[in-house]
Amino acid sequence: MTRSSRQRERERESTTNKETEEGVRECSECGSENLIKSSDRGELICDDCGLVVEEGNIDPGPEWRAFNHQERQEKSRVGAPTTQTMHDKGLTTTIDWKDKDAYGRSISSKKRSQMHRLRKWQERIRTKDAGERNLQFALSEIDRMASALGVPRSVREVASVIYRRALKEDLIRGRSIEGVATSALYAACRKEGIPRSLEEISEVSRVERKEIGRTYRYISQELGLEMEPVDPKKYVPRFCSELELSEEVQTKANEIIETTAEKGLLSGKSPTGYAAAAIYAASLLCNEKKTQREVADVAQVTEVTIRNRYQEQIEAMGIHS
């Protein structure tokens, strides 16, 4: 009995150490790589056949338990995660402006003036040279523009990474910091599937539309950013929301875009103008009429563009106006 249990133990130890040449863990029973970790039992289990591949795993998590966000915040003993949106990645010290001690009591006037001097010098030593100061300015510009556009934090992180890559490749030389920062944000919006038109970006930027477009093409080519053409359907929910149109209009507009794009009408056309024309056509078909002027203002295109795209789309759909 003892012997057989020892043999099983040895076999289990040999199976836990079995790995493929690529370094991916395999199940010894069925050869599956679909292994799941059970944190409460400390076991590694094959999801296909149910074999316990490994047991007695060490839990790398904290020793305390928390059941909601507030408890986690109170019990956590670590700082904020590092972020690319700050020039020092958020690793430096920040002195608070509250002028209170650890117990929440107001500090004396002498201590207050001392803390003011400390804050001033802390801000000065955070950037050691002109390069860091320029990076700090560029990242603060990205943060300001992203806030004005209402894009999520993930877009800001991606934009900051793109700007840092451009800085590392020395693509900033001969170009304005604002221009490269704005182009990085525009590229990040497209990469994250939350497109914003050049007109919208230039409204919150201190750079002209033409320079943003030129700089964007340059950095995307130099950094090898693989950008897919913007899908007009990604503009539809936002435009419909601003025009206060129903879900039915939104669905119809997406249907018009899909049908006409399959016939090759989208090639070489502005995605914002194409989406705006589809929304205008859908609003007429669903009896929720909006004027061309209203749609053009939201999409930031001209009424002529909407009329031209609208005529092409209804002809392709076989609808007679």
C-alpha atoms as a PDB file:
ATOM      1  CA  MET A   1       0.000   0.000   0.000  1.00  0.00           C
ATOM      2  CA  THR A   2       2.793   2.356   1.027  1.00  0.00           C
ATOM      3  CA  ARG A   3       4.801   1.412  -2.016  1.00  0.00           C
ATOM      4  CA  SER A   4       1.981   2.108  -4.460  1.00  0.00           C
ATOM      5  CA  SER A   5       1.256   5.506  -2.868  1.00  0.00           C
ATOM      6  CA  ARG A   6       4.965   6.426  -3.117  1.00  0.00           C
ATOM      7  CA  GLN A   7       4.986   5.383  -6.774  1.00  0.00           C
ATOM      8  CA  ARG A   8       1.924   7.551  -7.418  1.00  0.00           C
ATOM      9  CA  GLU A   9       3.643  10.462  -5.641  1.00  0.00           C
ATOM     10  CA  ARG A  10       6.769  10.052  -7.794  1.00  0.00           C
ATOM     11  CA  GLU A  11       4.665   9.839 -10.962  1.00  0.00           C
ATOM     12  CA  ARG A  12       2.783  12.981  -9.956  1.00  0.00           C
ATOM     13  CA  GLU A  13       6.068  14.832  -9.339  1.00  0.00           C
ATOM     14  CA  SER A  14       7.352  13.810 -12.784  1.00  0.00           C
ATOM     15  CA  THR A  15       4.134  14.965 -14.461  1.00  0.00           C
ATOM     16  CA  THR A  16       4.222  18.361 -12.722  1.00  0.00           C
ATOM     17  CA  ASN A  17       7.703  18.965 -14.105  1.00  0.00           C
ATOM     18  CA  LYS A  18       6.723  17.982 -17.638  1.00  0.00           C
ATOM     19  CA  GLU A  19       6.842  20.896 -20.035  1.00  0.00           C
ATOM     20  CA  THR A  20       6.878  21.223 -23.819  1.00  0.00           C
ATOM     21  CA  GLU A  21       9.827  22.625 -25.761  1.00  0.00           C
ATOM     22  CA  GLU A  22       8.050  25.985 -26.076  1.00  0.00           C
ATOM     23  CA  GLY A  23       7.802  26.258 -22.275  1.00  0.00           C
ATOM     24  CA  VAL A  24       3.988  25.715 -22.181  1.00  0.00           C
ATOM     25  CA  ARG A  25       2.599  23.336 -19.493  1.00  0.00           C
ATOM     26  CA  GLU A  26       0.823  20.172 -20.699  1.00  0.00           C
ATOM     27  CA  CYS A  27      -1.571  17.681 -19.125  1.00  0.00           C
ATOM     28  CA  SER A  28       0.113  14.261 -18.799  1.00  0.00           C
ATOM     29  CA  GLU A  29      -3.199  12.450 -19.308  1.00  0.00           C
ATOM     30  CA  CYS A  30      -4.646  14.026 -22.475  1.00  0.00           C
ATOM     31  CA  GLY A  31      -1.830  16.357 -23.660  1.00  0.00           C
ATOM     32  CA  SER A  32      -4.033  19.448 -23.406  1.00  0.00           C
ATOM     33  CA  GLU A  33      -2.502  22.860 -22.710  1.00  0.00           C
ATOM     34  CA  ASN A  34      -5.822  24.181 -21.379  1.00  0.00           C
ATOM     35  CA  LEU A  35      -4.867  24.254 -17.682  1.00  0.00           C
ATOM     36  CA  ILE A  36      -6.666  26.358 -15.070  1.00  0.00           C
ATOM     37  CA  LYS A  37      -5.426  27.427 -11.653  1.00  0.00           C
ATOM     38  CA  SER A  38      -7.750  26.996  -8.675  1.00  0.00           C
ATOM     39  CA  SER A  39      -6.676  29.700  -6.228  1.00  0.00           C
ATOM     40  CA  ASP A  40      -8.868  28.517  -3.329  1.00  0.00           C
ATOM     41  CA  ARG A  41      -7.513  24.928  -3.476  1.00  0.00           C
ATOM     42  CA  GLY A  42      -4.004  25.771  -4.669  1.00  0.00           C
ATOM     43  CA  GLU A  43      -4.251  23.313  -7.573  1.00  0.00           C
ATOM     44  CA  LEU A  44      -3.488  23.319 -11.300  1.00  0.00           C
ATOM     45  CA  ILE A  45      -6.266  21.413 -13.099  1.00  0.00           C
ATOM     46  CA  CYS A  46      -6.731  20.267 -16.710  1.00  0.00           C
ATOM     47  CA  ASP A  47      -9.928  21.876 -17.976  1.00  0.00           C
ATOM     48  CA  ASP A  48     -10.478  19.103 -20.548  1.00  0.00           C
ATOM     49  CA  CYS A  49     -10.117  15.854 -18.551  1.00  0.00           C
ATOM     50  CA  GLY A  50     -10.144  17.167 -14.945  1.00  0.00           C
ATOM     51  CA  LEU A  51      -6.728  15.770 -13.912  1.00  0.00           C
ATOM     52  CA  VAL A  52      -5.032  17.602 -11.025  1.00  0.00           C
ATOM     53  CA  VAL A  53      -1.683  18.363 -12.667  1.00  0.00           C
ATOM     54  CA  GLU A  54      -0.206  20.166  -9.665  1.00  0.00           C
ATOM     55  CA  GLU A  55      -1.273  20.689  -6.059  1.00  0.00           C
ATOM     56  CA  GLY A  56      -0.025  22.634  -3.068  1.00  0.00           C
ATOM     57  CA  ASN A  57       0.706  25.815  -5.050  1.00  0.00           C
ATOM     58  CA  ILE A  58       1.809  28.865  -3.092  1.00  0.00           C
ATOM     59  CA  ASP A  59      -0.702  31.725  -3.211  1.00  0.00           C
ATOM     60  CA  PRO A  60       1.179  34.903  -4.280  1.00  0.00           C
ATOM     61  CA  GLY A  61      -1.704  37.164  -3.190  1.00  0.00           C
ATOM     62  CA  PRO A  62      -1.975  39.209   0.019  1.00  0.00           C
ATOM     63  CA  GLU A  63      -2.474  37.515   3.392  1.00  0.00           C
ATOM     64  CA  TRP A  64      -5.560  39.659   4.123  1.00  0.00           C
ATOM     65  CA  ARG A  65      -9.068  39.335   2.700  1.00  0.00           C
ATOM     66  CA  ALA A  66     -11.277  42.136   1.391  1.00  0.00           C
ATOM     67  CA  PHE A  67     -14.866  41.974   0.165  1.00  0.00           C
ATOM     68  CA  ASN A  68     -15.305  45.392  -1.468  1.00  0.00           C
ATOM     69  CA  HIS A  69     -13.276  48.214  -3.019  1.00  0.00           C
ATOM     70  CA  GLN A  70     -13.188  50.320   0.163  1.00  0.00           C
ATOM     71  CA  GLU A  71     -11.760  47.443   2.227  1.00  0.00           C
ATOM     72  CA  ARG A  72      -9.118  46.768  -0.427  1.00  0.00           C
ATOM     73  CA  GLN A  73      -8.071  50.439  -0.386  1.00  0.00           C
ATOM     74  CA  GLU A  74      -7.847  50.486   3.418  1.00  0.00           C
ATOM     75  CA  LYS A  75      -5.856  47.251   3.729  1.00  0.00           C
ATOM     76  CA  SER A  76      -3.547  47.722   0.741  1.00  0.00           C
ATOM     77  CA  ARG A  77       0.011  48.684   1.651  1.00  0.00           C
ATOM     78  CA  VAL A  78       1.249  49.612  -1.832  1.00  0.00           C
ATOM     79  CA  GLY A  79       1.207  52.870  -3.775  1.00  0.00           C
ATOM     80  CA  ALA A  80      -0.415  53.756  -7.066  1.00  0.00           C
ATOM     81  CA  PRO A  81       0.672  51.757 -10.153  1.00  0.00           C
ATOM     82  CA  THR A  82       3.272  53.219 -12.508  1.00  0.00           C
ATOM     83  CA  THR A  83       1.877  55.165 -15.448  1.00  0.00           C
ATOM     84  CA  GLN A  84       3.289  56.314 -18.789  1.00  0.00           C
ATOM     85  CA  THR A  85       1.230  59.527 -18.617  1.00  0.00           C
ATOM     86  CA  MET A  86       3.714  61.150 -16.195  1.00  0.00           C
ATOM     87  CA  HIS A  87       7.282  61.983 -17.156  1.00  0.00           C
ATOM     88  CA  ASP A  88       8.667  60.184 -14.060  1.00  0.00           C
ATOM     89  CA  LYS A  89       6.077  57.363 -14.390  1.00  0.00           C
ATOM     90  CA  GLY A  90       4.551  58.459 -11.074  1.00  0.00           C
ATOM     91  CA  LEU A  91       7.486  57.240  -8.981  1.00  0.00           C
ATOM     92  CA  THR A  92       8.465  60.526  -7.306  1.00  0.00           C
ATOM     93  CA  THR A  93       7.151  61.992  -4.061  1.00  0.00           C
ATOM     94  CA  THR A  94       4.328  64.524  -4.018  1.00  0.00           C
ATOM     95  CA  ILE A  95       3.905  66.905  -1.066  1.00  0.00           C
ATOM     96  CA  ASP A  96       0.250  67.569  -0.301  1.00  0.00           C
ATOM     97  CA  TRP A  97      -1.240  71.114  -0.365  1.00  0.00           C
ATOM     98  CA  LYS A  98      -3.586  70.628   2.621  1.00  0.00           C
ATOM     99  CA  ASP A  99      -1.180  72.064   5.266  1.00  0.00           C
ATOM    100  CA  LYS A 100      -2.299  69.454   7.818  1.00  0.00           C
ATOM    101  CA  ASP A 101      -0.357  66.939   9.900  1.00  0.00           C
ATOM    102  CA  ALA A 102      -0.865  63.153  10.107  1.00  0.00           C
ATOM    103  CA  TYR A 103      -3.770  63.604  12.543  1.00  0.00           C
ATOM    104  CA  GLY A 104      -5.607  66.113  10.298  1.00  0.00           C
ATOM    105  CA  ARG A 105      -4.744  69.127  12.470  1.00  0.00           C
ATOM    106  CA  SER A 106      -3.674  72.427  10.870  1.00  0.00           C
ATOM    107  CA  ILE A 107       0.057  73.124  11.108  1.00  0.00           C
ATOM    108  CA  SER A 108       1.629  76.342  12.449  1.00  0.00           C
ATOM    109  CA  SER A 109       2.445  79.335  10.197  1.00  0.00           C
ATOM    110  CA  LYS A 110       6.184  78.625  10.541  1.00  0.00           C
ATOM    111  CA  LYS A 111       5.715  75.024   9.402  1.00  0.00           C
ATOM    112  CA  ARG A 112       3.369  76.207   6.642  1.00  0.00           C
ATOM    113  CA  SER A 113       6.016  78.493   5.111  1.00  0.00           C
ATOM    114  CA  GLN A 114       8.573  75.684   5.434  1.00  0.00           C
ATOM    115  CA  MET A 115       6.268  73.247   3.585  1.00  0.00           C
ATOM    116  CA  HIS A 116       5.658  75.875   0.889  1.00  0.00           C
ATOM    117  CA  ARG A 117       9.425  76.107   0.270  1.00  0.00           C
ATOM    118  CA  LEU A 118       9.718  72.301   0.228  1.00  0.00           C
ATOM    119  CA  ARG A 119       6.910  72.016  -2.339  1.00  0.00           C
ATOM    120  CA  LYS A 120       8.530  74.634  -4.550  1.00  0.00           C
ATOM    121  CA  TRP A 121      11.887  72.839  -4.548  1.00  0.00           C
ATOM    122  CA  GLN A 122      10.211  69.456  -4.966  1.00  0.00           C
ATOM    123  CA  GLU A 123       8.551  70.694  -8.165  1.00  0.00           C
ATOM    124  CA  ARG A 124      11.873  72.079  -9.414  1.00  0.00           C
ATOM    125  CA  ILE A 125      13.923  68.932  -8.810  1.00  0.00           C
ATOM    126  CA  ARG A 126      11.318  66.614 -10.380  1.00  0.00           C
ATOM    127  CA  THR A 127      12.760  67.527 -13.798  1.00  0.00           C
ATOM    128  CA  LYS A 128      16.538  67.420 -13.958  1.00  0.00           C
ATOM    129  CA  ASP A 129      17.058  68.838 -17.471  1.00  0.00           C
ATOM    130  CA  ALA A 130      15.346  70.496 -20.460  1.00  0.00           C
ATOM    131  CA  GLY A 131      14.523  67.106 -22.036  1.00  0.00           C
ATOM    132  CA  GLU A 132      12.504  66.027 -18.999  1.00  0.00           C
ATOM    133  CA  ARG A 133      10.765  69.402 -18.825  1.00  0.00           C
ATOM    134  CA  ASN A 134       9.745  69.084 -22.494  1.00  0.00           C
ATOM    135  CA  LEU A 135       8.468  65.536 -21.875  1.00  0.00           C
ATOM    136  CA  GLN A 136       6.497  66.764 -18.855  1.00  0.00           C
ATOM    137  CA  PHE A 137       4.932  69.525 -20.981  1.00  0.00           C
ATOM    138  CA  ALA A 138       4.071  67.113 -23.840  1.00  0.00           C
ATOM    139  CA  LEU A 139       2.428  64.575 -21.526  1.00  0.00           C
ATOM    140  CA  SER A 140       0.434  67.292 -19.757  1.00  0.00           C
ATOM    141  CA  GLU A 141      -0.764  68.491 -23.192  1.00  0.00           C
ATOM    142  CA  ILE A 142      -1.868  64.941 -24.083  1.00  0.00           C
ATOM    143  CA  ASP A 143      -3.733  64.733 -20.754  1.00  0.00           C
ATOM    144  CA  ARG A 144      -5.427  68.112 -21.313  1.00  0.00           C
ATOM    145  CA  MET A 145      -6.558  67.276 -24.859  1.00  0.00           C
ATOM    146  CA  ALA A 146      -7.725  63.778 -23.875  1.00  0.00           C
ATOM    147  CA  SER A 147      -9.837  65.282 -21.069  1.00  0.00           C
ATOM    148  CA  ALA A 148     -11.380  67.797 -23.494  1.00  0.00           C
ATOM    149  CA  LEU A 149     -12.196  64.987 -25.962  1.00  0.00           C
ATOM    150  CA  GLY A 150     -13.593  62.748 -23.208  1.00  0.00           C
ATOM    151  CA  VAL A 151     -11.531  59.671 -24.151  1.00  0.00           C
ATOM    152  CA  PRO A 152     -10.736  56.925 -21.580  1.00  0.00           C
ATOM    153  CA  ARG A 153      -7.465  56.558 -19.666  1.00  0.00           C
ATOM    154  CA  SER A 154      -6.257  53.680 -21.877  1.00  0.00           C
ATOM    155  CA  VAL A 155      -6.051  56.111 -24.837  1.00  0.00           C
ATOM    156  CA  ARG A 156      -3.889  58.514 -22.772  1.00  0.00           C
ATOM    157  CA  GLU A 157      -1.545  55.663 -21.848  1.00  0.00           C
ATOM    158  CA  VAL A 158      -1.180  54.578 -25.507  1.00  0.00           C
ATOM    159  CA  ALA A 159      -0.652  58.197 -26.646  1.00  0.00           C
ATOM    160  CA  SER A 160       2.073  58.661 -24.008  1.00  0.00           C
ATOM    161  CA  VAL A 161       3.827  55.455 -25.144  1.00  0.00           C
ATOM    162  CA  ILE A 162       3.706  56.604 -28.805  1.00  0.00           C
ATOM    163  CA  TYR A 163       5.137  60.024 -27.849  1.00  0.00           C
ATOM    164  CA  ARG A 164       7.950  58.385 -25.807  1.00  0.00           C
ATOM    165  CA  ARG A 165       8.791  56.160 -28.794  1.00  0.00           C
ATOM    166  CA  ALA A 166       8.898  59.205 -31.100  1.00  0.00           C
ATOM    167  CA  LEU A 167      11.179  60.956 -28.594  1.00  0.00           C
ATOM    168  CA  LYS A 168      13.479  57.922 -28.392  1.00  0.00           C
ATOM    169  CA  GLU A 169      13.715  57.723 -32.201  1.00  0.00           C
ATOM    170  CA  ASP A 170      14.508  61.480 -32.310  1.00  0.00           C
ATOM    171  CA  LEU A 171      11.430  62.287 -34.430  1.00  0.00           C
ATOM    172  CA  ILE A 172      10.689  65.479 -32.458  1.00  0.00           C
ATOM    173  CA  ARG A 173      13.645  67.384 -33.903  1.00  0.00           C
ATOM    174  CA  GLY A 174      12.442  70.157 -36.224  1.00  0.00           C
ATOM    175  CA  ARG A 175       8.810  69.751 -35.156  1.00  0.00           C
ATOM    176  CA  SER A 176       6.741  71.370 -32.427  1.00  0.00           C
ATOM    177  CA  ILE A 177       6.163  69.428 -29.198  1.00  0.00           C
ATOM    178  CA  GLU A 178       2.428  70.229 -29.389  1.00  0.00           C
ATOM    179  CA  GLY A 179       2.256  68.904 -32.975  1.00  0.00           C
ATOM    180  CA  VAL A 180       3.840  65.547 -32.110  1.00  0.00           C
ATOM    181  CA  ALA A 181       1.792  65.228 -28.889  1.00  0.00           C
ATOM    182  CA  THR A 182      -1.461  65.893 -30.791  1.00  0.00           C
ATOM    183  CA  SER A 183      -0.504  63.415 -33.528  1.00  0.00           C
ATOM    184  CA  ALA A 184       0.283  60.774 -30.871  1.00  0.00           C
ATOM    185  CA  LEU A 185      -3.167  61.290 -29.335  1.00  0.00           C
ATOM    186  CA  TYR A 186      -4.861  61.032 -32.762  1.00  0.00           C
ATOM    187  CA  ALA A 187      -2.951  57.779 -33.463  1.00  0.00           C
ATOM    188  CA  ALA A 188      -3.860  56.400 -30.014  1.00  0.00           C
ATOM    189  CA  CYS A 189      -7.568  57.125 -30.606  1.00  0.00           C
ATOM    190  CA  ARG A 190      -7.447  55.160 -33.852  1.00  0.00           C
ATOM    191  CA  LYS A 191      -5.480  52.284 -32.296  1.00  0.00           C
ATOM    192  CA  GLU A 192      -7.910  51.932 -29.395  1.00  0.00           C
ATOM    193  CA  GLY A 193     -10.955  51.927 -31.699  1.00  0.00           C
ATOM    194  CA  ILE A 194     -12.269  55.274 -30.392  1.00  0.00           C
ATOM    195  CA  PRO A 195     -11.661  57.434 -33.490  1.00  0.00           C
ATOM    196  CA  ARG A 196     -11.833  61.203 -33.398  1.00  0.00           C
ATOM    197  CA  SER A 197     -11.703  63.242 -36.601  1.00  0.00           C
ATOM    198  CA  LEU A 198      -8.829  65.641 -37.325  1.00  0.00           C
ATOM    199  CA  GLU A 199     -11.300  68.518 -36.981  1.00  0.00           C
ATOM    200  CA  GLU A 200     -12.232  67.423 -33.438  1.00  0.00           C
ATOM    201  CA  ILE A 201      -8.569  66.961 -32.487  1.00  0.00           C
ATOM    202  CA  SER A 202      -7.543  70.357 -33.921  1.00  0.00           C
ATOM    203  CA  GLU A 203     -10.340  72.077 -31.945  1.00  0.00           C
ATOM    204  CA  VAL A 204      -8.759  71.100 -28.606  1.00  0.00           C
ATOM    205  CA  SER A 205      -5.172  71.432 -29.862  1.00  0.00           C
ATOM    206  CA  ARG A 206      -3.023  74.528 -30.306  1.00  0.00           C
ATOM    207  CA  VAL A 207      -1.884  73.229 -33.705  1.00  0.00           C
ATOM    208  CA  GLU A 208      -3.489  73.589 -37.147  1.00  0.00           C
ATOM    209  CA  ARG A 209      -5.233  70.643 -38.782  1.00  0.00           C
ATOM    210  CA  LYS A 210      -2.771  70.493 -41.682  1.00  0.00           C
ATOM    211  CA  GLU A 211       0.258  70.198 -39.373  1.00  0.00           C
ATOM    212  CA  ILE A 212      -1.430  67.482 -37.289  1.00  0.00           C
ATOM    213  CA  GLY A 213      -2.132  65.414 -40.420  1.00  0.00           C
ATOM    214  CA  ARG A 214       1.415  65.891 -41.737  1.00  0.00           C
ATOM    215  CA  THR A 215       3.051  64.981 -38.412  1.00  0.00           C
ATOM    216  CA  TYR A 216       0.732  62.000 -37.894  1.00  0.00           C
ATOM    217  CA  ARG A 217       1.660  60.531 -41.300  1.00  0.00           C
ATOM    218  CA  TYR A 218       5.366  61.031 -40.540  1.00  0.00           C
ATOM    219  CA  ILE A 219       5.409  59.389 -37.076  1.00  0.00           C
ATOM    220  CA  SER A 220       3.110  56.507 -38.097  1.00  0.00           C
ATOM    221  CA  GLN A 221       5.444  55.729 -41.008  1.00  0.00           C
ATOM    222  CA  GLU A 222       8.669  56.072 -38.984  1.00  0.00           C
ATOM    223  CA  LEU A 223       7.384  54.071 -35.991  1.00  0.00           C
ATOM    224  CA  GLY A 224       5.675  51.458 -38.166  1.00  0.00           C
ATOM    225  CA  LEU A 225       2.236  51.974 -36.620  1.00  0.00           C
ATOM    226  CA  GLU A 226      -0.069  49.631 -38.494  1.00  0.00           C
ATOM    227  CA  MET A 227      -3.261  51.640 -38.793  1.00  0.00           C
ATOM    228  CA  GLU A 228      -6.364  50.133 -40.343  1.00  0.00           C
ATOM    229  CA  PRO A 229      -8.804  52.454 -42.158  1.00  0.00           C
ATOM    230  CA  VAL A 230     -11.372  53.922 -39.757  1.00  0.00           C
ATOM    231  CA  ASP A 231     -14.717  52.135 -39.858  1.00  0.00           C
ATOM    232  CA  PRO A 232     -17.544  54.732 -40.298  1.00  0.00           C
ATOM    233  CA  LYS A 233     -19.765  52.567 -38.041  1.00  0.00           C
ATOM    234  CA  LYS A 234     -17.630  53.590 -35.043  1.00  0.00           C
ATOM    235  CA  TYR A 235     -18.851  57.192 -35.445  1.00  0.00           C
ATOM    236  CA  VAL A 236     -22.544  56.251 -35.654  1.00  0.00           C
ATOM    237  CA  PRO A 237     -23.368  55.757 -31.906  1.00  0.00           C
ATOM    238  CA  ARG A 238     -21.756  59.078 -30.899  1.00  0.00           C
ATOM    239  CA  PHE A 239     -23.354  61.101 -33.715  1.00  0.00           C
ATOM    240  CA  CYS A 240     -26.788  59.518 -33.085  1.00  0.00           C
ATOM    241  CA  SER A 241     -26.484  60.259 -29.377  1.00  0.00           C
ATOM    242  CA  GLU A 242     -25.687  63.923 -30.028  1.00  0.00           C
ATOM    243  CA  LEU A 243     -28.615  64.162 -32.485  1.00  0.00           C
ATOM    244  CA  GLU A 244     -30.916  62.383 -29.981  1.00  0.00           C
ATOM    245  CA  LEU A 245     -31.891  59.704 -32.491  1.00  0.00           C
ATOM    246  CA  SER A 246     -33.348  56.306 -31.587  1.00  0.00           C
ATOM    247  CA  GLU A 247     -31.706  52.864 -31.607  1.00  0.00           C
ATOM    248  CA  GLU A 248     -33.704  52.076 -34.759  1.00  0.00           C
ATOM    249  CA  VAL A 249     -31.990  54.889 -36.696  1.00  0.00           C
ATOM    250  CA  GLN A 250     -28.587  53.728 -35.436  1.00  0.00           C
ATOM    251  CA  THR A 251     -29.239  50.149 -36.615  1.00  0.00           C
ATOM    252  CA  LYS A 252     -30.496  51.371 -40.010  1.00  0.00           C
ATOM    253  CA  ALA A 253     -27.452  53.637 -40.467  1.00  0.00           C
ATOM    254  CA  ASN A 254     -25.096  50.701 -39.743  1.00  0.00           C
ATOM    255  CA  GLU A 255     -27.030  48.586 -42.256  1.00  0.00           C
ATOM    256  CA  ILE A 256     -26.677  51.298 -44.938  1.00  0.00           C
ATOM    257  CA  ILE A 257     -22.917  51.574 -44.283  1.00  0.00           C
ATOM    258  CA  GLU A 258     -22.421  47.780 -44.465  1.00  0.00           C
ATOM    259  CA  THR A 259     -24.463  47.378 -47.680  1.00  0.00           C
ATOM    260  CA  THR A 260     -22.884  50.312 -49.535  1.00  0.00           C
ATOM    261  CA  ALA A 261     -19.327  49.529 -48.343  1.00  0.00           C
ATOM    262  CA  GLU A 262     -19.631  46.029 -49.811  1.00  0.00           C
ATOM    263  CA  LYS A 263     -20.331  47.680 -53.183  1.00  0.00           C
ATOM    264  CA  GLY A 264     -17.072  49.655 -52.958  1.00  0.00           C
ATOM    265  CA  LEU A 265     -18.544  53.114 -52.265  1.00  0.00           C
ATOM    266  CA  LEU A 266     -16.428  53.679 -49.127  1.00  0.00           C
ATOM    267  CA  SER A 267     -13.081  53.618 -50.930  1.00  0.00           C
ATOM    268  CA  GLY A 268     -11.429  57.062 -50.846  1.00  0.00           C
ATOM    269  CA  LYS A 269     -14.251  58.672 -48.858  1.00  0.00           C
ATOM    270  CA  SER A 270     -14.060  60.442 -45.487  1.00  0.00           C
ATOM    271  CA  PRO A 271     -15.454  58.088 -42.783  1.00  0.00           C
ATOM    272  CA  THR A 272     -17.096  60.966 -40.870  1.00  0.00           C
ATOM    273  CA  GLY A 273     -18.899  62.249 -43.981  1.00  0.00           C
ATOM    274  CA  TYR A 274     -19.913  58.707 -44.918  1.00  0.00           C
ATOM    275  CA  ALA A 275     -21.319  58.020 -41.434  1.00  0.00           C
ATOM    276  CA  ALA A 276     -23.133  61.382 -41.394  1.00  0.00           C
ATOM    277  CA  ALA A 277     -24.813  60.681 -44.752  1.00  0.00           C
ATOM    278  CA  ALA A 278     -25.900  57.206 -43.573  1.00  0.00           C
ATOM    279  CA  ILE A 279     -27.417  58.714 -40.404  1.00  0.00           C
ATOM    280  CA  TYR A 280     -29.231  61.367 -42.461  1.00  0.00           C
ATOM    281  CA  ALA A 281     -30.646  58.672 -44.803  1.00  0.00           C
ATOM    282  CA  ALA A 282     -31.625  56.450 -41.863  1.00  0.00           C
ATOM    283  CA  SER A 283     -33.395  59.336 -40.080  1.00  0.00           C
ATOM    284  CA  LEU A 284     -35.535  59.932 -43.193  1.00  0.00           C
ATOM    285  CA  LEU A 285     -36.352  56.223 -43.581  1.00  0.00           C
ATOM    286  CA  CYS A 286     -37.321  55.910 -39.875  1.00  0.00           C
ATOM    287  CA  ASN A 287     -39.414  59.122 -39.849  1.00  0.00           C
ATOM    288  CA  GLU A 288     -37.111  60.899 -37.392  1.00  0.00           C
ATOM    289  CA  LYS A 289     -36.094  63.607 -39.832  1.00  0.00           C
ATOM    290  CA  LYS A 290     -33.026  65.727 -39.144  1.00  0.00           C
ATOM    291  CA  THR A 291     -31.864  68.498 -41.445  1.00  0.00           C
ATOM    292  CA  GLN A 292     -28.592  68.227 -43.337  1.00  0.00           C
ATOM    293  CA  ARG A 293     -27.359  71.266 -41.382  1.00  0.00           C
ATOM    294  CA  GLU A 294     -27.961  69.561 -38.007  1.00  0.00           C
ATOM    295  CA  VAL A 295     -26.140  66.377 -39.067  1.00  0.00           C
ATOM    296  CA  ALA A 296     -23.308  68.361 -40.678  1.00  0.00           C
ATOM    297  CA  ASP A 297     -22.740  70.387 -37.483  1.00  0.00           C
ATOM    298  CA  VAL A 298     -22.440  67.254 -35.330  1.00  0.00           C
ATOM    299  CA  ALA A 299     -20.166  65.411 -37.803  1.00  0.00           C
ATOM    300  CA  GLN A 300     -18.159  68.585 -38.604  1.00  0.00           C
ATOM    301  CA  VAL A 301     -18.528  68.144 -42.361  1.00  0.00           C
ATOM    302  CA  THR A 302     -20.220  70.306 -45.004  1.00  0.00           C
ATOM    303  CA  GLU A 303     -23.798  69.917 -46.217  1.00  0.00           C
ATOM    304  CA  VAL A 304     -22.432  69.366 -49.746  1.00  0.00           C
ATOM    305  CA  THR A 305     -20.503  66.287 -48.530  1.00  0.00           C
ATOM    306  CA  ILE A 306     -23.645  64.865 -46.915  1.00  0.00           C
ATOM    307  CA  ARG A 307     -25.720  65.488 -50.088  1.00  0.00           C
ATOM    308  CA  ASN A 308     -23.132  63.803 -52.326  1.00  0.00           C
ATOM    309  CA  ARG A 309     -22.655  60.745 -50.070  1.00  0.00           C
ATOM    310  CA  TYR A 310     -26.433  60.508 -49.480  1.00  0.00           C
ATOM    311  CA  GLN A 311     -27.178  60.384 -53.238  1.00  0.00           C
ATOM    312  CA  GLU A 312     -24.531  57.676 -53.771  1.00  0.00           C
ATOM    313  CA  GLN A 313     -25.825  55.588 -50.864  1.00  0.00           C
ATOM    314  CA  ILE A 314     -29.538  55.654 -51.762  1.00  0.00           C
ATOM    315  CA  GLU A 315     -28.721  54.810 -55.408  1.00  0.00           C
ATOM    316  CA  ALA A 316     -26.602  51.829 -54.262  1.00  0.00           C
ATOM    317  CA  MET A 317     -29.433  50.703 -51.944  1.00  0.00           C
ATOM    318  CA  GLY A 318     -31.978  51.044 -54.763  1.00  0.00           C
ATOM    319  CA  ILE A 319     -34.039  53.595 -52.835  1.00  0.00           C
ATOM    320  CA  HIS A 320     -35.670  56.418 -54.796  1.00  0.00           C
ATOM    321  CA  SER A 321     -35.911  59.731 -52.952  1.00  0.00           C
END
